[in-house]
Amino acid sequence: ISMTDKRPFKVGVNLATTPGAVVFR
C-alpha cells in the first residue's frame, strides 16, 4: 500500500546526494 508518491524521488539524484566515494567493497 503506497504511503507516498514515489515519482519525485531518485536515490543519488535528490536523495543521498552528499558528495563522496566508495573506497572499499
mmCIF file of all heavy atoms, coordinates in Angstrom:
data_MODEL
# 
_entry.id   MODEL 
# 
loop_
_atom_site.group_PDB 
_atom_site.id 
_atom_site.type_symbol 
_atom_site.label_atom_id 
_atom_site.label_alt_id 
_atom_site.label_comp_id 
_atom_site.label_asym_id 
_atom_site.label_entity_id 
_atom_site.label_seq_id 
_atom_site.pdbx_PDB_ins_code 
_atom_site.Cartn_x 
_atom_site.Cartn_y 
_atom_site.Cartn_z 
_atom_site.occupancy 
_atom_site.B_iso_or_equiv 
_atom_site.pdbx_formal_charge 
_atom_site.auth_seq_id 
_atom_site.auth_comp_id 
_atom_site.auth_asym_id 
_atom_site.auth_atom_id 
_atom_site.pdbx_PDB_model_num 
ATOM 1   N N   . ILE A 1 1  ? 0.859  -1.177 0.000   1.00 0.00 ? 1  ILE A N   1 
ATOM 2   C CA  . ILE A 1 1  ? 0.000  0.000  0.000   1.00 0.00 ? 1  ILE A CA  1 
ATOM 3   C C   . ILE A 1 1  ? 0.897  1.229  0.000   1.00 0.00 ? 1  ILE A C   1 
ATOM 4   O O   . ILE A 1 1  ? 1.722  1.408  0.896   1.00 0.00 ? 1  ILE A O   1 
ATOM 5   C CB  . ILE A 1 1  ? -0.916 0.023  1.244   1.00 0.00 ? 1  ILE A CB  1 
ATOM 6   C CG1 . ILE A 1 1  ? -1.844 -1.203 1.256   1.00 0.00 ? 1  ILE A CG1 1 
ATOM 7   C CG2 . ILE A 1 1  ? -1.745 1.294  1.283   1.00 0.00 ? 1  ILE A CG2 1 
ATOM 8   C CD1 . ILE A 1 1  ? -2.723 -1.285 2.494   1.00 0.00 ? 1  ILE A CD1 1 
ATOM 9   N N   . SER A 1 2  ? 0.750  2.079  -0.995  1.00 0.00 ? 2  SER A N   1 
ATOM 10  C CA  . SER A 1 2  ? 1.611  3.255  -1.117  1.00 0.00 ? 2  SER A CA  1 
ATOM 11  C C   . SER A 1 2  ? 1.363  4.222  0.032   1.00 0.00 ? 2  SER A C   1 
ATOM 12  O O   . SER A 1 2  ? 0.219  4.557  0.342   1.00 0.00 ? 2  SER A O   1 
ATOM 13  C CB  . SER A 1 2  ? 1.357  3.979  -2.439  1.00 0.00 ? 2  SER A CB  1 
ATOM 14  O OG  . SER A 1 2  ? 1.762  3.169  -3.528  1.00 0.00 ? 2  SER A OG  1 
ATOM 15  N N   . MET A 1 3  ? 2.453  4.689  0.643   1.00 0.00 ? 3  MET A N   1 
ATOM 16  C CA  . MET A 1 3  ? 2.366  5.712  1.679   1.00 0.00 ? 3  MET A CA  1 
ATOM 17  C C   . MET A 1 3  ? 2.821  7.071  1.167   1.00 0.00 ? 3  MET A C   1 
ATOM 18  O O   . MET A 1 3  ? 2.626  8.085  1.842   1.00 0.00 ? 3  MET A O   1 
ATOM 19  C CB  . MET A 1 3  ? 3.206  5.312  2.890   1.00 0.00 ? 3  MET A CB  1 
ATOM 20  C CG  . MET A 1 3  ? 2.729  4.050  3.594   1.00 0.00 ? 3  MET A CG  1 
ATOM 21  S SD  . MET A 1 3  ? 3.473  3.854  5.234   1.00 0.00 ? 3  MET A SD  1 
ATOM 22  C CE  . MET A 1 3  ? 5.190  3.632  4.799   1.00 0.00 ? 3  MET A CE  1 
ATOM 23  N N   . THR A 1 4  ? 3.439  7.082  -0.012  1.00 0.00 ? 4  THR A N   1 
ATOM 24  C CA  . THR A 1 4  ? 3.929  8.337  -0.570  1.00 0.00 ? 4  THR A CA  1 
ATOM 25  C C   . THR A 1 4  ? 3.965  8.230  -2.088  1.00 0.00 ? 4  THR A C   1 
ATOM 26  O O   . THR A 1 4  ? 3.974  7.126  -2.646  1.00 0.00 ? 4  THR A O   1 
ATOM 27  C CB  . THR A 1 4  ? 5.341  8.653  -0.032  1.00 0.00 ? 4  THR A CB  1 
ATOM 28  O OG1 . THR A 1 4  ? 5.760  9.930  -0.497  1.00 0.00 ? 4  THR A OG1 1 
ATOM 29  C CG2 . THR A 1 4  ? 6.352  7.613  -0.484  1.00 0.00 ? 4  THR A CG2 1 
ATOM 30  N N   . ASP A 1 5  ? 3.987  9.360  -2.723  1.00 0.00 ? 5  ASP A N   1 
ATOM 31  C CA  . ASP A 1 5  ? 4.182  9.408  -4.172  1.00 0.00 ? 5  ASP A CA  1 
ATOM 32  C C   . ASP A 1 5  ? 5.679  9.215  -4.442  1.00 0.00 ? 5  ASP A C   1 
ATOM 33  O O   . ASP A 1 5  ? 6.501  10.060 -4.078  1.00 0.00 ? 5  ASP A O   1 
ATOM 34  C CB  . ASP A 1 5  ? 3.708  10.759 -4.708  1.00 0.00 ? 5  ASP A CB  1 
ATOM 35  C CG  . ASP A 1 5  ? 3.762  10.832 -6.225  1.00 0.00 ? 5  ASP A CG  1 
ATOM 36  O OD1 . ASP A 1 5  ? 4.245  9.872  -6.860  1.00 0.00 ? 5  ASP A OD1 1 
ATOM 37  O OD2 . ASP A 1 5  ? 3.342  11.869 -6.786  1.00 0.00 ? 5  ASP A OD2 1 
ATOM 38  N N   . LYS A 1 6  ? 6.024  8.089  -5.050  1.00 0.00 ? 6  LYS A N   1 
ATOM 39  C CA  . LYS A 1 6  ? 7.436  7.740  -5.237  1.00 0.00 ? 6  LYS A CA  1 
ATOM 40  C C   . LYS A 1 6  ? 8.070  8.464  -6.419  1.00 0.00 ? 6  LYS A C   1 
ATOM 41  O O   . LYS A 1 6  ? 9.297  8.530  -6.527  1.00 0.00 ? 6  LYS A O   1 
ATOM 42  C CB  . LYS A 1 6  ? 7.577  6.228  -5.451  1.00 0.00 ? 6  LYS A CB  1 
ATOM 43  C CG  . LYS A 1 6  ? 7.049  5.373  -4.323  1.00 0.00 ? 6  LYS A CG  1 
ATOM 44  C CD  . LYS A 1 6  ? 7.149  3.902  -4.691  1.00 0.00 ? 6  LYS A CD  1 
ATOM 45  C CE  . LYS A 1 6  ? 6.512  3.010  -3.643  1.00 0.00 ? 6  LYS A CE  1 
ATOM 46  N NZ  . LYS A 1 6  ? 6.549  1.578  -4.041  1.00 0.00 ? 6  LYS A NZ  1 
ATOM 47  N N   . ARG A 1 7  ? 7.260  8.992  -7.312  1.00 0.00 ? 7  ARG A N   1 
ATOM 48  C CA  . ARG A 1 7  ? 7.781  9.504  -8.579  1.00 0.00 ? 7  ARG A CA  1 
ATOM 49  C C   . ARG A 1 7  ? 8.795  10.632 -8.447  1.00 0.00 ? 7  ARG A C   1 
ATOM 50  O O   . ARG A 1 7  ? 9.753  10.696 -9.226  1.00 0.00 ? 7  ARG A O   1 
ATOM 51  C CB  . ARG A 1 7  ? 6.611  9.936  -9.472  1.00 0.00 ? 7  ARG A CB  1 
ATOM 52  C CG  . ARG A 1 7  ? 5.740  8.770  -9.919  1.00 0.00 ? 7  ARG A CG  1 
ATOM 53  C CD  . ARG A 1 7  ? 4.460  9.247  -10.593 1.00 0.00 ? 7  ARG A CD  1 
ATOM 54  N NE  . ARG A 1 7  ? 3.608  9.987  -9.661  1.00 0.00 ? 7  ARG A NE  1 
ATOM 55  C CZ  . ARG A 1 7  ? 2.419  10.487 -9.981  1.00 0.00 ? 7  ARG A CZ  1 
ATOM 56  N NH1 . ARG A 1 7  ? 1.960  10.336 -11.220 1.00 0.00 ? 7  ARG A NH1 1 
ATOM 57  N NH2 . ARG A 1 7  ? 1.701  11.131 -9.099  1.00 0.00 ? 7  ARG A NH2 1 
ATOM 58  N N   . PRO A 1 8  ? 8.664  11.560 -7.466  1.00 0.00 ? 8  PRO A N   1 
ATOM 59  C CA  . PRO A 1 8  ? 9.627  12.667 -7.420  1.00 0.00 ? 8  PRO A CA  1 
ATOM 60  C C   . PRO A 1 8  ? 11.018 12.273 -6.919  1.00 0.00 ? 8  PRO A C   1 
ATOM 61  O O   . PRO A 1 8  ? 11.943 13.075 -7.019  1.00 0.00 ? 8  PRO A O   1 
ATOM 62  C CB  . PRO A 1 8  ? 8.984  13.655 -6.439  1.00 0.00 ? 8  PRO A CB  1 
ATOM 63  C CG  . PRO A 1 8  ? 7.545  13.249 -6.354  1.00 0.00 ? 8  PRO A CG  1 
ATOM 64  C CD  . PRO A 1 8  ? 7.555  11.776 -6.554  1.00 0.00 ? 8  PRO A CD  1 
ATOM 65  N N   . PHE A 1 9  ? 11.191 11.053 -6.380  1.00 0.00 ? 9  PHE A N   1 
ATOM 66  C CA  . PHE A 1 9  ? 12.429 10.726 -5.694  1.00 0.00 ? 9  PHE A CA  1 
ATOM 67  C C   . PHE A 1 9  ? 13.300 9.758  -6.498  1.00 0.00 ? 9  PHE A C   1 
ATOM 68  O O   . PHE A 1 9  ? 12.798 8.815  -7.120  1.00 0.00 ? 9  PHE A O   1 
ATOM 69  C CB  . PHE A 1 9  ? 12.128 10.108 -4.330  1.00 0.00 ? 9  PHE A CB  1 
ATOM 70  C CG  . PHE A 1 9  ? 11.340 11.013 -3.424  1.00 0.00 ? 9  PHE A CG  1 
ATOM 71  C CD1 . PHE A 1 9  ? 10.028 10.704 -3.079  1.00 0.00 ? 9  PHE A CD1 1 
ATOM 72  C CD2 . PHE A 1 9  ? 11.901 12.174 -2.927  1.00 0.00 ? 9  PHE A CD2 1 
ATOM 73  C CE1 . PHE A 1 9  ? 9.304  11.533 -2.252  1.00 0.00 ? 9  PHE A CE1 1 
ATOM 74  C CE2 . PHE A 1 9  ? 11.181 13.012 -2.098  1.00 0.00 ? 9  PHE A CE2 1 
ATOM 75  C CZ  . PHE A 1 9  ? 9.884  12.700 -1.754  1.00 0.00 ? 9  PHE A CZ  1 
ATOM 76  N N   . LYS A 1 10 ? 14.590 9.990  -6.428  1.00 0.00 ? 10 LYS A N   1 
ATOM 77  C CA  . LYS A 1 10 ? 15.560 9.080  -7.023  1.00 0.00 ? 10 LYS A CA  1 
ATOM 78  C C   . LYS A 1 10 ? 16.846 9.128  -6.199  1.00 0.00 ? 10 LYS A C   1 
ATOM 79  O O   . LYS A 1 10 ? 17.426 10.204 -5.996  1.00 0.00 ? 10 LYS A O   1 
ATOM 80  C CB  . LYS A 1 10 ? 15.856 9.436  -8.480  1.00 0.00 ? 10 LYS A CB  1 
ATOM 81  C CG  . LYS A 1 10 ? 16.698 8.368  -9.183  1.00 0.00 ? 10 LYS A CG  1 
ATOM 82  C CD  . LYS A 1 10 ? 16.809 8.620  -10.672 1.00 0.00 ? 10 LYS A CD  1 
ATOM 83  C CE  . LYS A 1 10 ? 17.603 7.503  -11.355 1.00 0.00 ? 10 LYS A CE  1 
ATOM 84  N NZ  . LYS A 1 10 ? 17.722 7.723  -12.816 1.00 0.00 ? 10 LYS A NZ  1 
ATOM 85  N N   . VAL A 1 11 ? 17.267 7.967  -5.719  1.00 0.00 ? 11 VAL A N   1 
ATOM 86  C CA  . VAL A 1 11 ? 18.475 7.889  -4.903  1.00 0.00 ? 11 VAL A CA  1 
ATOM 87  C C   . VAL A 1 11 ? 19.677 8.286  -5.748  1.00 0.00 ? 11 VAL A C   1 
ATOM 88  O O   . VAL A 1 11 ? 19.863 7.798  -6.863  1.00 0.00 ? 11 VAL A O   1 
ATOM 89  C CB  . VAL A 1 11 ? 18.652 6.468  -4.334  1.00 0.00 ? 11 VAL A CB  1 
ATOM 90  C CG1 . VAL A 1 11 ? 19.959 6.366  -3.544  1.00 0.00 ? 11 VAL A CG1 1 
ATOM 91  C CG2 . VAL A 1 11 ? 17.460 6.099  -3.455  1.00 0.00 ? 11 VAL A CG2 1 
ATOM 92  N N   . GLY A 1 12 ? 20.493 9.174  -5.218  1.00 0.00 ? 12 GLY A N   1 
ATOM 93  C CA  . GLY A 1 12 ? 21.656 9.670  -5.939  1.00 0.00 ? 12 GLY A CA  1 
ATOM 94  C C   . GLY A 1 12 ? 21.382 10.921 -6.743  1.00 0.00 ? 12 GLY A C   1 
ATOM 95  O O   . GLY A 1 12 ? 22.315 11.577 -7.209  1.00 0.00 ? 12 GLY A O   1 
ATOM 96  N N   . VAL A 1 13 ? 20.097 11.254 -6.900  1.00 0.00 ? 13 VAL A N   1 
ATOM 97  C CA  . VAL A 1 13 ? 19.717 12.467 -7.639  1.00 0.00 ? 13 VAL A CA  1 
ATOM 98  C C   . VAL A 1 13 ? 19.197 13.527 -6.666  1.00 0.00 ? 13 VAL A C   1 
ATOM 99  O O   . VAL A 1 13 ? 19.715 14.642 -6.610  1.00 0.00 ? 13 VAL A O   1 
ATOM 100 C CB  . VAL A 1 13 ? 18.683 12.153 -8.728  1.00 0.00 ? 13 VAL A CB  1 
ATOM 101 C CG1 . VAL A 1 13 ? 18.216 13.440 -9.418  1.00 0.00 ? 13 VAL A CG1 1 
ATOM 102 C CG2 . VAL A 1 13 ? 19.264 11.187 -9.746  1.00 0.00 ? 13 VAL A CG2 1 
ATOM 103 N N   . ASN A 1 14 ? 18.162 13.189 -5.893  1.00 0.00 ? 14 ASN A N   1 
ATOM 104 C CA  . ASN A 1 14 ? 17.686 14.122 -4.875  1.00 0.00 ? 14 ASN A CA  1 
ATOM 105 C C   . ASN A 1 14 ? 17.599 13.490 -3.489  1.00 0.00 ? 14 ASN A C   1 
ATOM 106 O O   . ASN A 1 14 ? 17.059 14.076 -2.557  1.00 0.00 ? 14 ASN A O   1 
ATOM 107 C CB  . ASN A 1 14 ? 16.347 14.753 -5.272  1.00 0.00 ? 14 ASN A CB  1 
ATOM 108 C CG  . ASN A 1 14 ? 15.284 13.713 -5.587  1.00 0.00 ? 14 ASN A CG  1 
ATOM 109 O OD1 . ASN A 1 14 ? 15.487 12.513 -5.388  1.00 0.00 ? 14 ASN A OD1 1 
ATOM 110 N ND2 . ASN A 1 14 ? 14.150 14.162 -6.090  1.00 0.00 ? 14 ASN A ND2 1 
ATOM 111 N N   . LEU A 1 15 ? 18.101 12.279 -3.350  1.00 0.00 ? 15 LEU A N   1 
ATOM 112 C CA  . LEU A 1 15 ? 18.293 11.612 -2.061  1.00 0.00 ? 15 LEU A CA  1 
ATOM 113 C C   . LEU A 1 15 ? 19.719 11.062 -2.039  1.00 0.00 ? 15 LEU A C   1 
ATOM 114 O O   . LEU A 1 15 ? 20.239 10.629 -3.075  1.00 0.00 ? 15 LEU A O   1 
ATOM 115 C CB  . LEU A 1 15 ? 17.301 10.459 -1.870  1.00 0.00 ? 15 LEU A CB  1 
ATOM 116 C CG  . LEU A 1 15 ? 15.809 10.791 -1.854  1.00 0.00 ? 15 LEU A CG  1 
ATOM 117 C CD1 . LEU A 1 15 ? 14.993 9.504  -1.881  1.00 0.00 ? 15 LEU A CD1 1 
ATOM 118 C CD2 . LEU A 1 15 ? 15.440 11.614 -0.634  1.00 0.00 ? 15 LEU A CD2 1 
ATOM 119 N N   . ALA A 1 16 ? 20.338 11.038 -0.858  1.00 0.00 ? 16 ALA A N   1 
ATOM 120 C CA  . ALA A 1 16 ? 21.708 10.529 -0.731  1.00 0.00 ? 16 ALA A CA  1 
ATOM 121 C C   . ALA A 1 16 ? 22.654 11.256 -1.679  1.00 0.00 ? 16 ALA A C   1 
ATOM 122 O O   . ALA A 1 16 ? 23.358 10.639 -2.487  1.00 0.00 ? 16 ALA A O   1 
ATOM 123 C CB  . ALA A 1 16 ? 21.744 9.022  -0.990  1.00 0.00 ? 16 ALA A CB  1 
ATOM 124 N N   . THR A 1 17 ? 22.688 12.578 -1.580  1.00 0.00 ? 17 THR A N   1 
ATOM 125 C CA  . THR A 1 17 ? 23.447 13.383 -2.541  1.00 0.00 ? 17 THR A CA  1 
ATOM 126 C C   . THR A 1 17 ? 24.724 14.001 -1.961  1.00 0.00 ? 17 THR A C   1 
ATOM 127 O O   . THR A 1 17 ? 25.418 14.719 -2.670  1.00 0.00 ? 17 THR A O   1 
ATOM 128 C CB  . THR A 1 17 ? 22.569 14.510 -3.088  1.00 0.00 ? 17 THR A CB  1 
ATOM 129 O OG1 . THR A 1 17 ? 22.113 15.332 -2.002  1.00 0.00 ? 17 THR A OG1 1 
ATOM 130 C CG2 . THR A 1 17 ? 21.380 13.957 -3.849  1.00 0.00 ? 17 THR A CG2 1 
ATOM 131 N N   . THR A 1 18 ? 25.025 13.766 -0.696  1.00 0.00 ? 18 THR A N   1 
ATOM 132 C CA  . THR A 1 18 ? 26.268 14.312 -0.154  1.00 0.00 ? 18 THR A CA  1 
ATOM 133 C C   . THR A 1 18 ? 27.450 13.732 -0.922  1.00 0.00 ? 18 THR A C   1 
ATOM 134 O O   . THR A 1 18 ? 27.564 12.503 -1.050  1.00 0.00 ? 18 THR A O   1 
ATOM 135 C CB  . THR A 1 18 ? 26.402 13.989 1.346   1.00 0.00 ? 18 THR A CB  1 
ATOM 136 O OG1 . THR A 1 18 ? 25.276 14.550 2.047   1.00 0.00 ? 18 THR A OG1 1 
ATOM 137 C CG2 . THR A 1 18 ? 27.681 14.575 1.925   1.00 0.00 ? 18 THR A CG2 1 
ATOM 138 N N   . PRO A 1 19 ? 28.338 14.575 -1.462  1.00 0.00 ? 19 PRO A N   1 
ATOM 139 C CA  . PRO A 1 19 ? 29.440 14.077 -2.299  1.00 0.00 ? 19 PRO A CA  1 
ATOM 140 C C   . PRO A 1 19 ? 30.387 13.163 -1.530  1.00 0.00 ? 19 PRO A C   1 
ATOM 141 O O   . PRO A 1 19 ? 30.680 13.386 -0.352  1.00 0.00 ? 19 PRO A O   1 
ATOM 142 C CB  . PRO A 1 19 ? 30.157 15.357 -2.735  1.00 0.00 ? 19 PRO A CB  1 
ATOM 143 C CG  . PRO A 1 19 ? 29.141 16.440 -2.595  1.00 0.00 ? 19 PRO A CG  1 
ATOM 144 C CD  . PRO A 1 19 ? 28.298 16.047 -1.413  1.00 0.00 ? 19 PRO A CD  1 
ATOM 145 N N   . GLY A 1 20 ? 30.848 12.135 -2.208  1.00 0.00 ? 20 GLY A N   1 
ATOM 146 C CA  . GLY A 1 20 ? 31.782 11.195 -1.614  1.00 0.00 ? 20 GLY A CA  1 
ATOM 147 C C   . GLY A 1 20 ? 32.129 10.113 -2.597  1.00 0.00 ? 20 GLY A C   1 
ATOM 148 O O   . GLY A 1 20 ? 31.787 10.193 -3.790  1.00 0.00 ? 20 GLY A O   1 
ATOM 149 N N   . ALA A 1 21 ? 32.802 9.071  -2.111  1.00 0.00 ? 21 ALA A N   1 
ATOM 150 C CA  . ALA A 1 21 ? 33.236 7.979  -2.986  1.00 0.00 ? 21 ALA A CA  1 
ATOM 151 C C   . ALA A 1 21 ? 33.226 6.665  -2.227  1.00 0.00 ? 21 ALA A C   1 
ATOM 152 O O   . ALA A 1 21 ? 33.499 6.628  -1.014  1.00 0.00 ? 21 ALA A O   1 
ATOM 153 C CB  . ALA A 1 21 ? 34.637 8.251  -3.528  1.00 0.00 ? 21 ALA A CB  1 
ATOM 154 N N   . VAL A 1 22 ? 32.914 5.597  -2.937  1.00 0.00 ? 22 VAL A N   1 
ATOM 155 C CA  . VAL A 1 22 ? 33.067 4.255  -2.397  1.00 0.00 ? 22 VAL A CA  1 
ATOM 156 C C   . VAL A 1 22 ? 34.551 3.924  -2.423  1.00 0.00 ? 22 VAL A C   1 
ATOM 157 O O   . VAL A 1 22 ? 35.183 3.951  -3.487  1.00 0.00 ? 22 VAL A O   1 
ATOM 158 C CB  . VAL A 1 22 ? 32.271 3.224  -3.214  1.00 0.00 ? 22 VAL A CB  1 
ATOM 159 C CG1 . VAL A 1 22 ? 32.540 1.810  -2.701  1.00 0.00 ? 22 VAL A CG1 1 
ATOM 160 C CG2 . VAL A 1 22 ? 30.780 3.530  -3.171  1.00 0.00 ? 22 VAL A CG2 1 
ATOM 161 N N   . VAL A 1 23 ? 35.125 3.637  -1.252  1.00 0.00 ? 23 VAL A N   1 
ATOM 162 C CA  . VAL A 1 23 ? 36.565 3.376  -1.174  1.00 0.00 ? 23 VAL A CA  1 
ATOM 163 C C   . VAL A 1 23 ? 36.879 1.925  -0.814  1.00 0.00 ? 23 VAL A C   1 
ATOM 164 O O   . VAL A 1 23 ? 38.040 1.534  -0.762  1.00 0.00 ? 23 VAL A O   1 
ATOM 165 C CB  . VAL A 1 23 ? 37.234 4.322  -0.157  1.00 0.00 ? 23 VAL A CB  1 
ATOM 166 C CG1 . VAL A 1 23 ? 37.184 5.770  -0.656  1.00 0.00 ? 23 VAL A CG1 1 
ATOM 167 C CG2 . VAL A 1 23 ? 36.572 4.210  1.213   1.00 0.00 ? 23 VAL A CG2 1 
ATOM 168 N N   . PHE A 1 24 ? 35.828 1.140  -0.563  1.00 0.00 ? 24 PHE A N   1 
ATOM 169 C CA  . PHE A 1 24 ? 36.030 -0.282 -0.275  1.00 0.00 ? 24 PHE A CA  1 
ATOM 170 C C   . PHE A 1 24 ? 34.733 -1.020 -0.580  1.00 0.00 ? 24 PHE A C   1 
ATOM 171 O O   . PHE A 1 24 ? 33.645 -0.503 -0.357  1.00 0.00 ? 24 PHE A O   1 
ATOM 172 C CB  . PHE A 1 24 ? 36.411 -0.495 1.199   1.00 0.00 ? 24 PHE A CB  1 
ATOM 173 C CG  . PHE A 1 24 ? 36.500 -1.947 1.595   1.00 0.00 ? 24 PHE A CG  1 
ATOM 174 C CD1 . PHE A 1 24 ? 37.599 -2.710 1.252   1.00 0.00 ? 24 PHE A CD1 1 
ATOM 175 C CD2 . PHE A 1 24 ? 35.458 -2.550 2.292   1.00 0.00 ? 24 PHE A CD2 1 
ATOM 176 C CE1 . PHE A 1 24 ? 37.669 -4.056 1.598   1.00 0.00 ? 24 PHE A CE1 1 
ATOM 177 C CE2 . PHE A 1 24 ? 35.518 -3.888 2.641   1.00 0.00 ? 24 PHE A CE2 1 
ATOM 178 C CZ  . PHE A 1 24 ? 36.628 -4.635 2.295   1.00 0.00 ? 24 PHE A CZ  1 
ATOM 179 N N   . ARG A 1 25 ? 34.892 -2.237 -1.081  1.00 0.00 ? 25 ARG A N   1 
ATOM 180 C CA  . ARG A 1 25 ? 33.727 -3.087 -1.345  1.00 0.00 ? 25 ARG A CA  1 
ATOM 181 C C   . ARG A 1 25 ? 34.120 -4.536 -1.120  1.00 0.00 ? 25 ARG A C   1 
ATOM 182 O O   . ARG A 1 25 ? 35.169 -4.993 -1.573  1.00 0.00 ? 25 ARG A O   1 
ATOM 183 C CB  . ARG A 1 25 ? 33.238 -2.892 -2.780  1.00 0.00 ? 25 ARG A CB  1 
ATOM 184 C CG  . ARG A 1 25 ? 32.006 -3.731 -3.142  1.00 0.00 ? 25 ARG A CG  1 
ATOM 185 C CD  . ARG A 1 25 ? 31.659 -3.627 -4.624  1.00 0.00 ? 25 ARG A CD  1 
ATOM 186 N NE  . ARG A 1 25 ? 31.232 -2.289 -5.020  1.00 0.00 ? 25 ARG A NE  1 
ATOM 187 C CZ  . ARG A 1 25 ? 31.808 -1.583 -5.972  1.00 0.00 ? 25 ARG A CZ  1 
ATOM 188 N NH1 . ARG A 1 25 ? 32.850 -2.079 -6.644  1.00 0.00 ? 25 ARG A NH1 1 
ATOM 189 N NH2 . ARG A 1 25 ? 31.353 -0.376 -6.288  1.00 0.00 ? 25 ARG A NH2 1 
# 
